[in-house]
């Protein structure tokens, strides 16, 4: 199933609040990814980057820059439903 993102919010403490087309809302904690995956460390190390999260045109991925992204199905599956 392809899940598409309707809305994304970068909350404090590296939490993403994501609303999907089926109106499911989840919060996805990025702290573990940031601490374990070297490619994500820029989210903590570059001032202001965290809040610059965007949704790609297909609405199946979010991204911060050319190097840091995250697929919607990962967020959908592992986020905590709200």
Foldseek 3Di string as FASTA:
>chain_A
DQWFWDDWFQDPQQWIWTATPVRWTFIDHCVVVCVPPVLNVCCVVPPPQSGQWDADPVRQKIASDPRDIDGNVCCVVPTHTD
